[in-house]
Amino acid sequence: MKRSLFMLGLLTVTLTAATPPSKRAKWTPLFDGKTTTGWHRYLKTDTNGWKVENGALTTDGKQGDLVSDKEFENFDLEFEFKVQPKGNSGVIYKVIEDAQYNQTYISGPEYQVIDDKGYEWRDKDGKLMKLNNNQLTAANYDMIPPGDLNVSKPAGEWNKGRILVNNNHVEHWLNGKKVVEYEYGSDTWKGMVAKSKFAKMPYANPHVKGKIALQGHGDTVWYRNIRVKEM
């Protein structure tokens, strides 16, 4: 009997040790579907401009980004989102909340959220501009385009996003498919940063952890079922 119990205990320990941290960790809601508890506007203490509507966090994008109260290091983040036609937003991670940085994207990578088909703008010369592939939904914004351009659902429909950060390995998922994968802080990553808009920003300095931000970009966007699993 004692030997059986010993062997059972040994097996349990062995299985636990062999199970990846991501499988052992538990999901924690980052949004309870009813309140903005756990969030605040970037560099503010309130959540003005953001509200809960039919179980979703929403904003017209005019009052800035919403950031998590808590910082995260290694995590698996899941969320659902939809954006208005011609709308733009994003989920930014590894955000360093510091008054010397006036925007969240200055310090953290972005999972792009946008109307892939309808978004357009005019440059300083008045020329009508369209999105590049590295500006499409689920892209590592301005760095890596999604590997499949046919996974995103149209503006006004719910999409499911996922961001996995495990040490320096990062993945972006869209509607159940992995579309971006990179090694944060690697030489390859540094080369991409040097050619991007972030080259001279704190973004270019790899850091271990940061906050999660929902971007208010001047357009209406909705987020729901936001949950995280820390590893």
Protein backbone atom coordinates (compact mmCIF):
# COMPACT_ATOMS: atom_id res chain seq x y z
CA MET A 1 0.00 0.00 0.00
CA LYS A 2 2.77 2.41 0.97
CA ARG A 3 4.71 1.54 -2.17
CA SER A 4 1.61 2.18 -4.29
CA LEU A 5 1.06 5.58 -2.69
CA PHE A 6 4.75 6.42 -3.18
CA MET A 7 4.60 5.47 -6.85
CA LEU A 8 1.39 7.47 -7.32
CA GLY A 9 2.99 10.51 -5.71
CA LEU A 10 6.10 10.11 -7.84
CA LEU A 11 3.97 9.86 -10.99
CA THR A 12 2.04 12.99 -10.05
CA VAL A 13 5.24 14.96 -9.50
CA THR A 14 6.69 13.67 -12.77
CA LEU A 15 3.57 14.60 -14.76
CA THR A 16 3.41 18.06 -13.17
CA ALA A 17 7.05 18.72 -13.95
CA ALA A 18 6.55 17.58 -17.53
CA THR A 19 3.49 19.75 -18.10
CA PRO A 20 4.34 23.13 -19.67
CA PRO A 21 3.61 26.17 -17.45
CA SER A 22 1.01 27.38 -19.97
CA LYS A 23 -1.01 24.18 -19.37
CA ARG A 24 -0.81 24.43 -15.58
CA ALA A 25 -1.71 28.12 -15.37
CA LYS A 26 -5.28 29.30 -14.94
CA TRP A 27 -7.21 31.85 -16.97
CA THR A 28 -7.99 35.15 -15.24
CA PRO A 29 -10.52 37.64 -16.63
CA LEU A 30 -9.03 41.06 -17.41
CA PHE A 31 -12.51 42.43 -18.02
CA ASP A 32 -15.52 41.30 -16.01
CA GLY A 33 -18.05 42.29 -18.67
CA LYS A 34 -19.72 44.80 -16.37
CA THR A 35 -17.20 47.39 -15.15
CA THR A 36 -13.86 48.95 -16.06
CA THR A 37 -12.26 47.57 -12.89
CA GLY A 38 -8.59 46.74 -13.45
CA TRP A 39 -8.11 49.40 -16.10
CA HIS A 40 -7.34 53.12 -16.36
CA ARG A 41 -6.56 55.60 -19.08
CA TYR A 42 -2.89 55.89 -19.94
CA LEU A 43 -1.18 58.35 -17.56
CA LYS A 44 -4.57 59.00 -15.88
CA THR A 45 -6.47 57.49 -12.96
CA ASP A 46 -9.92 57.38 -14.58
CA THR A 47 -11.51 55.51 -17.48
CA ASN A 48 -13.25 58.50 -19.09
CA GLY A 49 -14.20 57.89 -22.70
CA TRP A 50 -14.49 54.13 -22.19
CA LYS A 51 -17.69 52.37 -21.13
CA VAL A 52 -19.29 48.95 -20.90
CA GLU A 53 -21.97 48.26 -23.49
CA ASN A 54 -23.69 44.89 -23.88
CA GLY A 55 -20.82 43.11 -22.17
CA ALA A 56 -18.09 44.83 -24.16
CA LEU A 57 -15.58 47.58 -23.44
CA THR A 58 -16.08 50.30 -26.01
CA THR A 59 -14.86 53.79 -26.86
CA ASP A 60 -15.25 56.37 -29.59
CA GLY A 61 -11.48 56.67 -29.47
CA LYS A 62 -11.41 60.32 -28.49
CA GLN A 63 -10.12 59.98 -24.91
CA GLY A 64 -6.95 57.95 -25.36
CA ASP A 65 -5.81 54.42 -24.59
CA LEU A 66 -7.00 52.19 -21.76
CA VAL A 67 -4.25 50.29 -19.94
CA SER A 68 -4.25 47.47 -17.43
CA ASP A 69 -3.47 48.30 -13.82
CA LYS A 70 -1.14 45.31 -13.75
CA GLU A 71 2.08 44.55 -15.63
CA PHE A 72 2.63 41.22 -17.35
CA GLU A 73 5.78 39.34 -18.29
CA ASN A 74 5.06 35.89 -19.77
CA PHE A 75 1.41 35.47 -20.67
CA ASP A 76 -1.26 34.14 -22.99
CA LEU A 77 -3.87 36.81 -23.74
CA GLU A 78 -7.18 36.14 -25.48
CA PHE A 79 -9.75 38.72 -26.52
CA GLU A 80 -12.55 39.37 -28.99
CA PHE A 81 -12.81 42.61 -30.94
CA LYS A 82 -14.70 44.43 -33.63
CA VAL A 83 -14.17 47.85 -35.15
CA GLN A 84 -16.41 50.32 -36.95
CA PRO A 85 -16.16 50.57 -40.76
CA LYS A 86 -12.95 52.47 -41.64
CA GLY A 87 -11.95 52.16 -37.97
CA ASN A 88 -8.53 51.70 -36.37
CA SER A 89 -7.36 50.43 -32.96
CA GLY A 90 -4.92 47.92 -31.52
CA VAL A 91 -3.80 45.91 -28.50
CA ILE A 92 -0.39 47.03 -27.29
CA TYR A 93 1.72 45.01 -24.85
CA LYS A 94 4.93 45.50 -22.86
CA VAL A 95 3.76 49.09 -22.33
CA ILE A 96 5.92 51.18 -20.00
CA GLU A 97 3.62 53.71 -18.36
CA ASP A 98 5.85 56.73 -17.87
CA ALA A 99 5.11 60.45 -18.27
CA GLN A 100 8.07 60.85 -20.61
CA TYR A 101 6.24 58.66 -23.13
CA ASN A 102 3.01 60.33 -24.24
CA GLN A 103 1.64 57.30 -26.12
CA THR A 104 1.51 53.58 -25.34
CA TYR A 105 2.94 52.53 -28.71
CA ILE A 106 6.18 54.37 -27.99
CA SER A 107 7.29 51.52 -25.71
CA GLY A 108 5.33 48.43 -26.73
CA PRO A 109 4.61 46.21 -29.75
CA GLU A 110 1.11 46.36 -31.22
CA TYR A 111 -1.36 43.72 -32.34
CA GLN A 112 -3.13 45.67 -35.06
CA VAL A 113 -6.93 46.01 -35.03
CA ILE A 114 -8.32 47.73 -38.12
CA ASP A 115 -10.79 47.65 -40.99
CA ASP A 116 -8.51 45.94 -43.52
CA LYS A 117 -10.67 46.78 -46.53
CA GLY A 118 -12.05 50.20 -45.70
CA TYR A 119 -9.37 52.08 -43.77
CA GLU A 120 -7.67 54.87 -45.70
CA TRP A 121 -6.11 58.24 -45.07
CA ARG A 122 -4.40 61.09 -46.89
CA ASP A 123 -0.73 61.90 -46.57
CA LYS A 124 0.66 65.40 -46.10
CA ASP A 125 0.36 66.01 -49.83
CA GLY A 126 -3.27 64.97 -49.92
CA LYS A 127 -2.62 61.63 -51.62
CA LEU A 128 -5.10 58.89 -50.69
CA MET A 129 -3.22 56.09 -48.93
CA LYS A 130 -4.07 52.42 -48.46
CA LEU A 131 -2.79 49.96 -45.85
CA ASN A 132 0.41 48.00 -46.26
CA ASN A 133 0.34 44.33 -45.27
CA ASN A 134 2.23 45.08 -42.03
CA GLN A 135 -0.62 47.42 -41.07
CA LEU A 136 -3.40 44.84 -41.40
CA THR A 137 -5.34 43.13 -38.61
CA ALA A 138 -3.18 40.96 -36.31
CA ALA A 139 0.06 42.31 -37.79
CA ASN A 140 2.92 43.14 -35.48
CA TYR A 141 2.27 46.72 -36.49
CA ASP A 142 4.77 48.24 -38.93
CA MET A 143 7.02 45.21 -38.42
CA ILE A 144 5.54 41.85 -39.47
CA PRO A 145 2.46 41.29 -41.68
CA PRO A 146 0.00 38.50 -40.90
CA GLY A 147 0.93 35.28 -42.65
CA ASP A 148 -2.62 34.77 -43.92
CA LEU A 149 -4.54 37.77 -45.27
CA ASN A 150 -7.86 35.93 -45.46
CA VAL A 151 -8.49 35.17 -41.77
CA SER A 152 -9.78 38.56 -40.64
CA LYS A 153 -13.54 39.14 -40.55
CA PRO A 154 -14.99 42.42 -41.92
CA ALA A 155 -15.52 45.58 -39.90
CA GLY A 156 -18.55 45.28 -37.65
CA GLU A 157 -18.04 41.54 -37.07
CA TRP A 158 -16.40 39.95 -34.04
CA ASN A 159 -12.88 38.57 -34.42
CA LYS A 160 -10.92 36.54 -31.86
CA GLY A 161 -7.37 37.62 -31.10
CA ARG A 162 -4.61 36.01 -29.09
CA ILE A 163 -1.17 37.24 -28.04
CA LEU A 164 1.32 34.76 -26.59
CA VAL A 165 4.51 36.02 -24.95
CA ASN A 166 6.77 33.28 -23.59
CA ASN A 167 10.15 34.70 -22.61
CA ASN A 168 11.20 36.33 -25.90
CA HIS A 169 8.99 34.22 -28.15
CA VAL A 170 5.89 36.08 -29.34
CA GLU A 171 2.92 34.87 -31.37
CA HIS A 172 -0.15 36.65 -32.75
CA TRP A 173 -3.22 34.52 -33.47
CA LEU A 174 -6.38 35.53 -35.33
CA ASN A 175 -9.58 33.50 -35.33
CA GLY A 176 -7.75 30.34 -34.29
CA LYS A 177 -4.81 30.64 -36.69
CA LYS A 178 -1.25 31.70 -35.89
CA VAL A 179 -0.42 34.55 -38.25
CA VAL A 180 2.67 36.20 -36.70
CA GLU A 181 5.66 34.74 -34.87
CA TYR A 182 8.91 36.43 -33.81
CA GLU A 183 11.69 36.50 -31.26
CA TYR A 184 11.52 39.74 -29.30
CA GLY A 185 14.91 41.39 -28.85
CA SER A 186 16.69 39.13 -31.35
CA ASP A 187 19.09 40.46 -33.97
CA THR A 188 16.43 39.89 -36.61
CA TRP A 189 13.92 41.86 -34.55
CA LYS A 190 16.41 44.69 -34.03
CA GLY A 191 16.96 44.83 -37.77
CA MET A 192 13.23 45.21 -38.37
CA VAL A 193 12.94 47.91 -35.71
CA ALA A 194 15.78 49.87 -37.32
CA LYS A 195 13.72 50.06 -40.55
CA SER A 196 10.45 50.95 -38.83
CA LYS A 197 8.87 54.08 -37.36
CA PHE A 198 10.02 52.86 -33.92
CA ALA A 199 13.75 53.03 -34.60
CA LYS A 200 14.38 55.99 -32.30
CA MET A 201 11.69 55.21 -29.72
CA PRO A 202 11.95 53.32 -26.40
CA TYR A 203 10.20 50.53 -28.33
CA ALA A 204 13.65 49.72 -29.73
CA ASN A 205 14.97 48.82 -26.26
CA PRO A 206 13.81 45.28 -25.34
CA HIS A 207 12.31 45.02 -21.86
CA VAL A 208 10.95 42.14 -19.81
CA LYS A 209 7.45 43.25 -18.90
CA GLY A 210 4.82 45.94 -19.24
CA LYS A 211 1.13 46.75 -19.25
CA ILE A 212 -1.51 45.84 -21.80
CA ALA A 213 -3.26 48.67 -23.63
CA LEU A 214 -6.42 48.93 -25.71
CA GLN A 215 -5.90 51.73 -28.19
CA GLY A 216 -8.29 54.64 -28.61
CA HIS A 217 -7.41 55.81 -32.10
CA GLY A 218 -10.29 58.18 -32.82
CA ASP A 219 -12.70 55.47 -33.98
CA THR A 220 -15.27 53.27 -32.29
CA VAL A 221 -14.04 49.84 -31.25
CA TRP A 222 -15.34 47.08 -28.98
CA TYR A 223 -13.47 44.48 -26.88
CA ARG A 224 -14.94 41.61 -24.88
CA ASN A 225 -14.05 38.25 -23.29
CA ILE A 226 -10.59 39.52 -22.37
CA ARG A 227 -8.70 36.99 -20.31
CA VAL A 228 -5.06 36.24 -19.52
CA LYS A 229 -3.06 33.25 -18.39
CA GLU A 230 0.27 34.10 -16.75
CA MET A 231 3.11 31.64 -17.21
